[in-house]
């Protein structure tokens, strides 16, 4: 069970609920995830199990979403579960206007985390303070919207809506994005639906439902759903460690050139690499150049 699980989180469960479910099914305590998904949302939740929990900071945390934005109202929580305040649709409002505003939100943008988020303020999570009826000042943070496309437009009757595909950096709040788009147009808007379609290189079409995990667990085959550590780190260059240097590397010692069995081309000083011995992934290390220009590798995370 050392590896990743690409889990399809259902709506109605918190990300912590899913982690607890995996702990129960697997019988292991070390389970974490790479980014909270709203309780009301569904989609990819990337869970790390066993030794893979030590890899969370090194994985690709970019996210992909399909979101519905509804115009003509503001929400106290930024989504469909909050109190809605009707707003007037301005003259000139159109699909073309919305499309042009979406373009202005690509690239680096500033967001203020919503009170419904898990960001901490003086030791408490914002959503905990919100449940107590408190609203506190939050510091704006910079996030990046790589792409945002309108895939469908619903302009007839009631409040206009649009379906968006968003590719963004970690820490982006889609509900805040929807709110800010509505404010830019001047009619208010809120996130009326959210589906996370990918985390890093892991997409929803390969995600496993909790029911499927339960069925595998009942047959003693839960490990079949696990993405192994070696595969999870395949995006990094692999340095093969000589057998005589394995013990010292596992104790956290720097791997010097004599202990390197094979070295891929293109590695430079500062590069992050996987240290491995055959089928064993020993850890992650950072390349350092010596006085003779040869590379050594200082472990940052030992996995054995």
C-alpha atoms as a PDB file:
ATOM      1  CA  UNK A   1       0.000   0.000   0.000  1.00  0.00           C
ATOM      2  CA  UNK A   2       2.974   2.358  -0.498  1.00  0.00           C
ATOM      3  CA  UNK A   3       1.819   4.620  -3.311  1.00  0.00           C
ATOM      4  CA  UNK A   4      -0.991   6.794  -4.648  1.00  0.00           C
ATOM      5  CA  UNK A   5      -4.712   6.258  -5.044  1.00  0.00           C
ATOM      6  CA  UNK A   6      -6.566   8.275  -7.677  1.00  0.00           C
ATOM      7  CA  UNK A   7      -9.897   8.401  -5.855  1.00  0.00           C
ATOM      8  CA  UNK A   8     -13.218   9.623  -7.247  1.00  0.00           C
ATOM      9  CA  UNK A   9     -14.592  11.602  -4.303  1.00  0.00           C
ATOM     10  CA  UNK A  10     -18.390  11.707  -4.238  1.00  0.00           C
ATOM     11  CA  UNK A  11     -20.306  14.869  -3.305  1.00  0.00           C
ATOM     12  CA  UNK A  12     -21.344  15.062   0.337  1.00  0.00           C
ATOM     13  CA  UNK A  13     -18.081  13.762   1.789  1.00  0.00           C
ATOM     14  CA  UNK A  14     -15.193  15.849   3.055  1.00  0.00           C
ATOM     15  CA  UNK A  15     -11.672  15.078   1.874  1.00  0.00           C
ATOM     16  CA  UNK A  16     -10.895  13.936   5.433  1.00  0.00           C
ATOM     17  CA  UNK A  17     -13.862  11.535   5.255  1.00  0.00           C
ATOM     18  CA  UNK A  18     -12.299   9.929   2.181  1.00  0.00           C
ATOM     19  CA  UNK A  19      -8.909   9.634   3.899  1.00  0.00           C
ATOM     20  CA  UNK A  20     -10.566   8.009   6.926  1.00  0.00           C
ATOM     21  CA  UNK A  21     -12.394   5.591   4.603  1.00  0.00           C
ATOM     22  CA  UNK A  22      -9.113   4.561   2.959  1.00  0.00           C
ATOM     23  CA  UNK A  23      -7.472   4.080   6.367  1.00  0.00           C
ATOM     24  CA  UNK A  24     -10.301   1.759   7.369  1.00  0.00           C
ATOM     25  CA  UNK A  25     -10.149  -0.248   4.154  1.00  0.00           C
ATOM     26  CA  UNK A  26      -6.367  -0.545   4.072  1.00  0.00           C
ATOM     27  CA  UNK A  27      -5.649  -0.867   7.779  1.00  0.00           C
ATOM     28  CA  UNK A  28      -2.831   1.706   7.534  1.00  0.00           C
ATOM     29  CA  UNK A  29      -2.705   5.012   9.370  1.00  0.00           C
ATOM     30  CA  UNK A  30      -0.372   6.967   7.109  1.00  0.00           C
ATOM     31  CA  UNK A  31      -2.774   8.328   4.500  1.00  0.00           C
ATOM     32  CA  UNK A  32      -2.940  11.922   3.263  1.00  0.00           C
ATOM     33  CA  UNK A  33      -4.087  13.858   0.199  1.00  0.00           C
ATOM     34  CA  UNK A  34      -2.620  16.463  -2.131  1.00  0.00           C
ATOM     35  CA  UNK A  35      -5.353  19.090  -1.870  1.00  0.00           C
ATOM     36  CA  UNK A  36      -8.759  19.477  -0.238  1.00  0.00           C
ATOM     37  CA  UNK A  37     -11.866  19.195  -2.401  1.00  0.00           C
ATOM     38  CA  UNK A  38     -15.065  20.926  -1.234  1.00  0.00           C
ATOM     39  CA  UNK A  39     -17.621  18.612   0.446  1.00  0.00           C
ATOM     40  CA  UNK A  40     -20.237  19.548  -2.138  1.00  0.00           C
ATOM     41  CA  UNK A  41     -17.894  18.880  -5.051  1.00  0.00           C
ATOM     42  CA  UNK A  42     -16.934  15.600  -6.696  1.00  0.00           C
ATOM     43  CA  UNK A  43     -13.897  14.443  -8.611  1.00  0.00           C
ATOM     44  CA  UNK A  44     -10.250  13.521  -8.276  1.00  0.00           C
ATOM     45  CA  UNK A  45      -8.771  13.344  -4.799  1.00  0.00           C
ATOM     46  CA  UNK A  46      -5.191  12.096  -4.957  1.00  0.00           C
ATOM     47  CA  UNK A  47      -4.482  10.095  -1.799  1.00  0.00           C
ATOM     48  CA  UNK A  48      -0.968   9.146  -0.705  1.00  0.00           C
ATOM     49  CA  UNK A  49      -0.531   5.969   1.336  1.00  0.00           C
ATOM     50  CA  UNK A  50       2.301   4.660   3.486  1.00  0.00           C
ATOM     51  CA  UNK A  51       5.738   5.896   2.458  1.00  0.00           C
ATOM     52  CA  UNK A  52       4.173   7.938  -0.345  1.00  0.00           C
ATOM     53  CA  UNK A  53       2.891  10.455   2.226  1.00  0.00           C
ATOM     54  CA  UNK A  54       6.483  11.732   2.278  1.00  0.00           C
ATOM     55  CA  UNK A  55       6.197  12.629  -1.413  1.00  0.00           C
ATOM     56  CA  UNK A  56       3.231  14.998  -1.204  1.00  0.00           C
ATOM     57  CA  UNK A  57       5.304  18.197  -1.430  1.00  0.00           C
ATOM     58  CA  UNK A  58       7.133  16.930  -4.525  1.00  0.00           C
ATOM     59  CA  UNK A  59       4.112  15.956  -6.621  1.00  0.00           C
ATOM     60  CA  UNK A  60       2.449  18.129  -9.263  1.00  0.00           C
ATOM     61  CA  UNK A  61      -0.347  20.008  -7.477  1.00  0.00           C
ATOM     62  CA  UNK A  62      -1.883  21.764 -10.491  1.00  0.00           C
ATOM     63  CA  UNK A  63      -5.616  21.145 -10.734  1.00  0.00           C
ATOM     64  CA  UNK A  64      -8.195  20.866 -13.508  1.00  0.00           C
ATOM     65  CA  UNK A  65     -11.882  21.577 -12.941  1.00  0.00           C
ATOM     66  CA  UNK A  66     -15.193  21.695 -14.752  1.00  0.00           C
ATOM     67  CA  UNK A  67     -17.252  24.373 -13.050  1.00  0.00           C
ATOM     68  CA  UNK A  68     -20.616  25.985 -13.615  1.00  0.00           C
ATOM     69  CA  UNK A  69     -20.863  29.714 -12.961  1.00  0.00           C
ATOM     70  CA  UNK A  70     -24.292  31.281 -12.471  1.00  0.00           C
ATOM     71  CA  UNK A  71     -24.779  35.011 -13.014  1.00  0.00           C
ATOM     72  CA  UNK A  72     -27.309  37.399 -11.508  1.00  0.00           C
ATOM     73  CA  UNK A  73     -26.810  36.550  -7.823  1.00  0.00           C
ATOM     74  CA  UNK A  74     -24.125  36.597  -5.145  1.00  0.00           C
ATOM     75  CA  UNK A  75     -23.680  33.847  -2.562  1.00  0.00           C
ATOM     76  CA  UNK A  76     -22.579  34.255   1.047  1.00  0.00           C
ATOM     77  CA  UNK A  77     -20.309  31.233   0.591  1.00  0.00           C
ATOM     78  CA  UNK A  78     -19.484  31.674  -3.086  1.00  0.00           C
ATOM     79  CA  UNK A  79     -21.376  28.494  -4.022  1.00  0.00           C
ATOM     80  CA  UNK A  80     -24.938  27.188  -4.301  1.00  0.00           C
ATOM     81  CA  UNK A  81     -25.059  26.249  -0.598  1.00  0.00           C
ATOM     82  CA  UNK A  82     -24.904  29.822   0.708  1.00  0.00           C
ATOM     83  CA  UNK A  83     -27.520  32.550   1.044  1.00  0.00           C
ATOM     84  CA  UNK A  84     -28.199  34.069  -2.368  1.00  0.00           C
ATOM     85  CA  UNK A  85     -28.667  37.783  -3.002  1.00  0.00           C
ATOM     86  CA  UNK A  86     -30.326  38.729  -6.268  1.00  0.00           C
ATOM     87  CA  UNK A  87     -28.327  41.045  -8.531  1.00  0.00           C
ATOM     88  CA  UNK A  88     -29.397  42.878 -11.658  1.00  0.00           C
ATOM     89  CA  UNK A  89     -28.039  41.745 -15.005  1.00  0.00           C
ATOM     90  CA  UNK A  90     -26.561  44.852 -16.706  1.00  0.00           C
ATOM     91  CA  UNK A  91     -27.483  45.930 -20.216  1.00  0.00           C
ATOM     92  CA  UNK A  92     -25.040  44.596 -22.763  1.00  0.00           C
ATOM     93  CA  UNK A  93     -24.570  41.352 -20.881  1.00  0.00           C
ATOM     94  CA  UNK A  94     -23.880  38.541 -23.347  1.00  0.00           C
ATOM     95  CA  UNK A  95     -21.921  35.372 -23.946  1.00  0.00           C
ATOM     96  CA  UNK A  96     -19.318  37.429 -25.778  1.00  0.00           C
ATOM     97  CA  UNK A  97     -18.913  39.783 -22.821  1.00  0.00           C
ATOM     98  CA  UNK A  98     -18.423  36.860 -20.436  1.00  0.00           C
ATOM     99  CA  UNK A  99     -15.878  35.277 -22.791  1.00  0.00           C
ATOM    100  CA  UNK A 100     -13.839  38.491 -22.921  1.00  0.00           C
ATOM    101  CA  UNK A 101     -13.878  38.807 -19.124  1.00  0.00           C
ATOM    102  CA  UNK A 102     -12.704  35.201 -18.754  1.00  0.00           C
ATOM    103  CA  UNK A 103      -9.654  36.074 -20.850  1.00  0.00           C
ATOM    104  CA  UNK A 104      -8.738  38.825 -18.384  1.00  0.00           C
ATOM    105  CA  UNK A 105      -8.612  36.242 -15.583  1.00  0.00           C
ATOM    106  CA  UNK A 106      -5.948  34.052 -17.175  1.00  0.00           C
ATOM    107  CA  UNK A 107      -2.332  34.281 -16.020  1.00  0.00           C
ATOM    108  CA  UNK A 108      -1.369  35.332 -12.505  1.00  0.00           C
ATOM    109  CA  UNK A 109      -4.253  36.746 -10.493  1.00  0.00           C
ATOM    110  CA  UNK A 110      -4.778  37.751  -6.865  1.00  0.00           C
ATOM    111  CA  UNK A 111      -7.364  35.968  -4.722  1.00  0.00           C
ATOM    112  CA  UNK A 112      -8.600  36.442  -1.169  1.00  0.00           C
ATOM    113  CA  UNK A 113      -9.249  32.986   0.362  1.00  0.00           C
ATOM    114  CA  UNK A 114     -12.953  32.483   1.182  1.00  0.00           C
ATOM    115  CA  UNK A 115     -14.126  32.063   4.761  1.00  0.00           C
ATOM    116  CA  UNK A 116     -15.157  28.535   3.805  1.00  0.00           C
ATOM    117  CA  UNK A 117     -11.532  27.508   3.132  1.00  0.00           C
ATOM    118  CA  UNK A 118      -9.101  25.492   5.251  1.00  0.00           C
ATOM    119  CA  UNK A 119      -6.560  28.338   5.424  1.00  0.00           C
ATOM    120  CA  UNK A 120      -5.498  28.913   9.021  1.00  0.00           C
ATOM    121  CA  UNK A 121      -5.907  32.182  10.923  1.00  0.00           C
ATOM    122  CA  UNK A 122      -4.329  32.348  14.385  1.00  0.00           C
ATOM    123  CA  UNK A 123      -4.367  28.575  14.673  1.00  0.00           C
ATOM    124  CA  UNK A 124      -7.934  28.019  13.486  1.00  0.00           C
ATOM    125  CA  UNK A 125      -9.177  27.112  10.019  1.00  0.00           C
ATOM    126  CA  UNK A 126     -11.261  29.797   8.335  1.00  0.00           C
ATOM    127  CA  UNK A 127     -14.262  27.496   7.938  1.00  0.00           C
ATOM    128  CA  UNK A 128     -14.186  26.844  11.696  1.00  0.00           C
ATOM    129  CA  UNK A 129     -14.354  30.584  12.340  1.00  0.00           C
ATOM    130  CA  UNK A 130     -17.145  30.931   9.764  1.00  0.00           C
ATOM    131  CA  UNK A 131     -19.202  28.314  11.613  1.00  0.00           C
ATOM    132  CA  UNK A 132     -18.823  30.505  14.720  1.00  0.00           C
ATOM    133  CA  UNK A 133     -20.214  33.448  12.756  1.00  0.00           C
ATOM    134  CA  UNK A 134     -16.860  35.220  12.560  1.00  0.00           C
ATOM    135  CA  UNK A 135     -15.394  36.969   9.526  1.00  0.00           C
ATOM    136  CA  UNK A 136     -11.708  37.940   9.627  1.00  0.00           C
ATOM    137  CA  UNK A 137      -9.418  39.841   7.292  1.00  0.00           C
ATOM    138  CA  UNK A 138      -7.572  37.513   4.916  1.00  0.00           C
ATOM    139  CA  UNK A 139      -4.388  38.237   3.057  1.00  0.00           C
ATOM    140  CA  UNK A 140      -4.608  38.048  -0.733  1.00  0.00           C
ATOM    141  CA  UNK A 141      -2.450  35.443  -2.436  1.00  0.00           C
ATOM    142  CA  UNK A 142      -1.263  35.031  -6.009  1.00  0.00           C
ATOM    143  CA  UNK A 143      -2.422  32.018  -8.026  1.00  0.00           C
ATOM    144  CA  UNK A 144      -2.178  31.178 -11.708  1.00  0.00           C
ATOM    145  CA  UNK A 145      -4.907  30.341 -14.205  1.00  0.00           C
ATOM    146  CA  UNK A 146      -3.157  28.546 -17.067  1.00  0.00           C
ATOM    147  CA  UNK A 147      -6.284  28.077 -19.174  1.00  0.00           C
ATOM    148  CA  UNK A 148      -9.989  28.833 -18.812  1.00  0.00           C
ATOM    149  CA  UNK A 149     -12.423  27.902 -21.574  1.00  0.00           C
ATOM    150  CA  UNK A 150     -16.172  28.266 -21.854  1.00  0.00           C
ATOM    151  CA  UNK A 151     -17.442  24.887 -23.013  1.00  0.00           C
ATOM    152  CA  UNK A 152     -21.175  25.611 -22.849  1.00  0.00           C
ATOM    153  CA  UNK A 153     -23.451  28.624 -22.492  1.00  0.00           C
ATOM    154  CA  UNK A 154     -26.961  28.661 -21.033  1.00  0.00           C
ATOM    155  CA  UNK A 155     -28.369  32.114 -21.715  1.00  0.00           C
ATOM    156  CA  UNK A 156     -32.075  31.501 -21.969  1.00  0.00           C
ATOM    157  CA  UNK A 157     -34.509  31.935 -19.067  1.00  0.00           C
ATOM    158  CA  UNK A 158     -33.722  32.561 -15.425  1.00  0.00           C
ATOM    159  CA  UNK A 159     -30.154  33.286 -14.457  1.00  0.00           C
ATOM    160  CA  UNK A 160     -27.563  32.929 -17.241  1.00  0.00           C
ATOM    161  CA  UNK A 161     -25.007  30.175 -16.693  1.00  0.00           C
ATOM    162  CA  UNK A 162     -21.757  29.034 -18.268  1.00  0.00           C
ATOM    163  CA  UNK A 163     -19.819  25.797 -18.017  1.00  0.00           C
ATOM    164  CA  UNK A 164     -16.082  26.366 -17.677  1.00  0.00           C
ATOM    165  CA  UNK A 165     -12.981  24.193 -17.932  1.00  0.00           C
ATOM    166  CA  UNK A 166     -10.241  25.586 -15.680  1.00  0.00           C
ATOM    167  CA  UNK A 167      -6.588  24.553 -15.414  1.00  0.00           C
ATOM    168  CA  UNK A 168      -4.983  26.300 -12.465  1.00  0.00           C
ATOM    169  CA  UNK A 169      -2.207  26.243  -9.889  1.00  0.00           C
ATOM    170  CA  UNK A 170      -2.501  24.802  -6.407  1.00  0.00           C
ATOM    171  CA  UNK A 171      -4.294  27.071  -3.964  1.00  0.00           C
ATOM    172  CA  UNK A 172      -6.792  28.424  -6.513  1.00  0.00           C
ATOM    173  CA  UNK A 173     -10.337  28.784  -5.192  1.00  0.00           C
ATOM    174  CA  UNK A 174     -12.872  28.263  -7.978  1.00  0.00           C
ATOM    175  CA  UNK A 175     -15.719  29.742  -5.919  1.00  0.00           C
ATOM    176  CA  UNK A 176     -13.640  32.905  -5.478  1.00  0.00           C
ATOM    177  CA  UNK A 177     -12.852  32.925  -9.193  1.00  0.00           C
ATOM    178  CA  UNK A 178     -16.567  32.771 -10.019  1.00  0.00           C
ATOM    179  CA  UNK A 179     -17.370  35.526  -7.519  1.00  0.00           C
ATOM    180  CA  UNK A 180     -14.650  37.794  -8.868  1.00  0.00           C
ATOM    181  CA  UNK A 181     -15.778  37.258 -12.472  1.00  0.00           C
ATOM    182  CA  UNK A 182     -19.304  38.291 -11.478  1.00  0.00           C
ATOM    183  CA  UNK A 183     -18.033  41.384  -9.706  1.00  0.00           C
ATOM    184  CA  UNK A 184     -15.923  42.342 -12.728  1.00  0.00           C
ATOM    185  CA  UNK A 185     -19.028  42.177 -14.933  1.00  0.00           C
ATOM    186  CA  UNK A 186     -21.146  43.894 -12.297  1.00  0.00           C
ATOM    187  CA  UNK A 187     -23.931  41.349 -11.954  1.00  0.00           C
ATOM    188  CA  UNK A 188     -22.645  39.011  -9.251  1.00  0.00           C
ATOM    189  CA  UNK A 189     -21.977  35.313  -9.785  1.00  0.00           C
ATOM    190  CA  UNK A 190     -21.458  32.128  -7.821  1.00  0.00           C
ATOM    191  CA  UNK A 191     -20.146  28.604  -8.368  1.00  0.00           C
ATOM    192  CA  UNK A 192     -23.194  26.412  -8.864  1.00  0.00           C
ATOM    193  CA  UNK A 193     -21.360  23.155  -9.657  1.00  0.00           C
ATOM    194  CA  UNK A 194     -17.800  21.853  -9.340  1.00  0.00           C
ATOM    195  CA  UNK A 195     -16.076  18.723 -10.605  1.00  0.00           C
ATOM    196  CA  UNK A 196     -12.325  18.249 -10.249  1.00  0.00           C
ATOM    197  CA  UNK A 197     -11.241  16.479 -13.415  1.00  0.00           C
ATOM    198  CA  UNK A 198      -7.536  16.130 -12.688  1.00  0.00           C
ATOM    199  CA  UNK A 199      -4.653  16.583 -10.269  1.00  0.00           C
ATOM    200  CA  UNK A 200      -1.243  16.833 -11.876  1.00  0.00           C
ATOM    201  CA  UNK A 201      -1.039  13.995 -14.381  1.00  0.00           C
ATOM    202  CA  UNK A 202      -3.914  12.028 -12.828  1.00  0.00           C
ATOM    203  CA  UNK A 203      -7.273  12.399 -14.554  1.00  0.00           C
ATOM    204  CA  UNK A 204     -10.835  11.535 -13.641  1.00  0.00           C
ATOM    205  CA  UNK A 205     -11.137   8.863 -16.341  1.00  0.00           C
ATOM    206  CA  UNK A 206      -8.659   6.731 -14.358  1.00  0.00           C
ATOM    207  CA  UNK A 207     -10.136   7.513 -10.931  1.00  0.00           C
ATOM    208  CA  UNK A 208     -11.463   4.700  -8.717  1.00  0.00           C
ATOM    209  CA  UNK A 209     -14.706   5.083  -6.785  1.00  0.00           C
ATOM    210  CA  UNK A 210     -15.020   4.246  -3.093  1.00  0.00           C
ATOM    211  CA  UNK A 211     -17.372   1.397  -4.026  1.00  0.00           C
ATOM    212  CA  UNK A 212     -14.693  -0.077  -6.304  1.00  0.00           C
ATOM    213  CA  UNK A 213     -12.112   0.230  -3.524  1.00  0.00           C
ATOM    214  CA  UNK A 214     -14.472  -1.535  -1.115  1.00  0.00           C
ATOM    215  CA  UNK A 215     -14.982  -4.376  -3.604  1.00  0.00           C
ATOM    216  CA  UNK A 216     -11.223  -4.771  -4.085  1.00  0.00           C
ATOM    217  CA  UNK A 217     -10.671  -4.688  -0.328  1.00  0.00           C
ATOM    218  CA  UNK A 218     -13.285  -7.406   0.230  1.00  0.00           C
ATOM    219  CA  UNK A 219     -11.328  -9.658  -2.144  1.00  0.00           C
ATOM    220  CA  UNK A 220      -7.955  -8.781  -0.603  1.00  0.00           C
ATOM    221  CA  UNK A 221      -6.888  -7.007  -3.795  1.00  0.00           C
ATOM    222  CA  UNK A 222      -6.864  -3.356  -2.691  1.00  0.00           C
ATOM    223  CA  UNK A 223      -3.191  -2.989  -3.673  1.00  0.00           C
ATOM    224  CA  UNK A 224      -4.224  -3.392  -7.341  1.00  0.00           C
ATOM    225  CA  UNK A 225      -5.584   0.174  -7.281  1.00  0.00           C
ATOM    226  CA  UNK A 226      -2.336   1.619  -5.914  1.00  0.00           C
ATOM    227  CA  UNK A 227      -0.026   3.606  -8.188  1.00  0.00           C
ATOM    228  CA  UNK A 228       3.441   2.582  -7.024  1.00  0.00           C
ATOM    229  CA  UNK A 229       6.059   5.056  -5.839  1.00  0.00           C
ATOM    230  CA  UNK A 230       8.302   4.321  -8.824  1.00  0.00           C
ATOM    231  CA  UNK A 231       5.512   5.168 -11.268  1.00  0.00           C
ATOM    232  CA  UNK A 232       4.446   8.208  -9.229  1.00  0.00           C
ATOM    233  CA  UNK A 233       7.982   9.609  -9.521  1.00  0.00           C
ATOM    234  CA  UNK A 234       8.474   8.714 -13.191  1.00  0.00           C
ATOM    235  CA  UNK A 235       8.436  12.422 -14.110  1.00  0.00           C
ATOM    236  CA  UNK A 236      11.853  12.805 -12.407  1.00  0.00           C
ATOM    237  CA  UNK A 237      15.221  11.552 -13.738  1.00  0.00           C
ATOM    238  CA  UNK A 238      16.406   8.332 -12.125  1.00  0.00           C
ATOM    239  CA  UNK A 239      19.945   7.870 -10.786  1.00  0.00           C
ATOM    240  CA  UNK A 240      20.934   4.253 -10.218  1.00  0.00           C
ATOM    241  CA  UNK A 241      22.893   3.744  -6.987  1.00  0.00           C
ATOM    242  CA  UNK A 242      25.698   1.194  -6.800  1.00  0.00           C
ATOM    243  CA  UNK A 243      25.073  -1.643  -4.354  1.00  0.00           C
ATOM    244  CA  UNK A 244      27.986  -0.572  -2.165  1.00  0.00           C
ATOM    245  CA  UNK A 245      26.489   2.889  -1.633  1.00  0.00           C
ATOM    246  CA  UNK A 246      22.908   1.861  -0.848  1.00  0.00           C
ATOM    247  CA  UNK A 247      23.362   1.629   2.920  1.00  0.00           C
ATOM    248  CA  UNK A 248      24.930   5.080   3.248  1.00  0.00           C
ATOM    249  CA  UNK A 249      22.274   6.674   0.996  1.00  0.00           C
ATOM    250  CA  UNK A 250      19.536   5.091   3.130  1.00  0.00           C
ATOM    251  CA  UNK A 251      21.099   6.703   6.190  1.00  0.00           C
ATOM    252  CA  UNK A 252      20.916  10.114   4.505  1.00  0.00           C
ATOM    253  CA  UNK A 253      24.541  10.407   3.379  1.00  0.00           C
ATOM    254  CA  UNK A 254      25.446  12.212   0.154  1.00  0.00           C
ATOM    255  CA  UNK A 255      25.899   9.987  -2.881  1.00  0.00           C
ATOM    256  CA  UNK A 256      29.297  10.779  -4.402  1.00  0.00           C
ATOM    257  CA  UNK A 257      30.335   9.946  -8.006  1.00  0.00           C
ATOM    258  CA  UNK A 258      32.012   6.589  -7.182  1.00  0.00           C
ATOM    259  CA  UNK A 259      28.668   5.321  -5.809  1.00  0.00           C
ATOM    260  CA  UNK A 260      26.709   6.231  -8.954  1.00  0.00           C
ATOM    261  CA  UNK A 261      26.005   3.241 -11.159  1.00  0.00           C
ATOM    262  CA  UNK A 262      24.144   5.000 -13.987  1.00  0.00           C
ATOM    263  CA  UNK A 263      23.501   8.708 -14.543  1.00  0.00           C
ATOM    264  CA  UNK A 264      20.978  10.060 -17.077  1.00  0.00           C
ATOM    265  CA  UNK A 265      22.103  12.836 -19.400  1.00  0.00           C
ATOM    266  CA  UNK A 266      20.877  16.370 -18.857  1.00  0.00           C
ATOM    267  CA  UNK A 267      21.095  16.485 -15.054  1.00  0.00           C
ATOM    268  CA  UNK A 268      22.441  19.791 -13.782  1.00  0.00           C
ATOM    269  CA  UNK A 269      23.322  21.257 -10.408  1.00  0.00           C
ATOM    270  CA  UNK A 270      20.104  21.781  -8.466  1.00  0.00           C
ATOM    271  CA  UNK A 271      18.157  19.083 -10.335  1.00  0.00           C
ATOM    272  CA  UNK A 272      15.852  16.891  -8.256  1.00  0.00           C
ATOM    273  CA  UNK A 273      16.342  13.185  -8.967  1.00  0.00           C
ATOM    274  CA  UNK A 274      15.121   9.784  -7.823  1.00  0.00           C
ATOM    275  CA  UNK A 275      17.760   7.587  -6.212  1.00  0.00           C
ATOM    276  CA  UNK A 276      17.076   3.920  -6.903  1.00  0.00           C
ATOM    277  CA  UNK A 277      18.710   0.524  -6.665  1.00  0.00           C
ATOM    278  CA  UNK A 278      17.059  -1.901  -9.059  1.00  0.00           C
ATOM    279  CA  UNK A 279      13.349  -1.994  -8.215  1.00  0.00           C
ATOM    280  CA  UNK A 280      13.868  -0.158  -4.898  1.00  0.00           C
ATOM    281  CA  UNK A 281      13.242   3.584  -4.725  1.00  0.00           C
ATOM    282  CA  UNK A 282      15.593   4.849  -2.025  1.00  0.00           C
ATOM    283  CA  UNK A 283      14.633   8.502  -1.988  1.00  0.00           C
ATOM    284  CA  UNK A 284      14.823  11.928  -3.599  1.00  0.00           C
ATOM    285  CA  UNK A 285      18.030  13.922  -3.838  1.00  0.00           C
ATOM    286  CA  UNK A 286      19.316  17.257  -5.133  1.00  0.00           C
ATOM    287  CA  UNK A 287      22.296  17.379  -7.501  1.00  0.00           C
ATOM    288  CA  UNK A 288      25.387  19.271  -6.309  1.00  0.00           C
ATOM    289  CA  UNK A 289      28.450  20.064  -8.441  1.00  0.00           C
ATOM    290  CA  UNK A 290      31.911  19.473  -6.977  1.00  0.00           C
ATOM    291  CA  UNK A 291      35.087  21.364  -7.749  1.00  0.00           C
ATOM    292  CA  UNK A 292      35.827  18.980 -10.611  1.00  0.00           C
ATOM    293  CA  UNK A 293      32.372  19.548 -12.091  1.00  0.00           C
ATOM    294  CA  UNK A 294      31.200  16.029 -11.268  1.00  0.00           C
ATOM    295  CA  UNK A 295      27.809  15.671  -9.619  1.00  0.00           C
ATOM    296  CA  UNK A 296      27.023  14.372  -6.158  1.00  0.00           C
ATOM    297  CA  UNK A 297      23.505  13.867  -4.821  1.00  0.00           C
ATOM    298  CA  UNK A 298      22.373  15.036  -1.409  1.00  0.00           C
ATOM    299  CA  UNK A 299      19.226  13.191  -0.201  1.00  0.00           C
ATOM    300  CA  UNK A 300      16.256  15.430   0.598  1.00  0.00           C
ATOM    301  CA  UNK A 301      13.850  12.621   1.415  1.00  0.00           C
ATOM    302  CA  UNK A 302      14.785   9.035   2.251  1.00  0.00           C
ATOM    303  CA  UNK A 303      11.969   6.573   1.598  1.00  0.00           C
ATOM    304  CA  UNK A 304      13.358   3.343   3.060  1.00  0.00           C
END
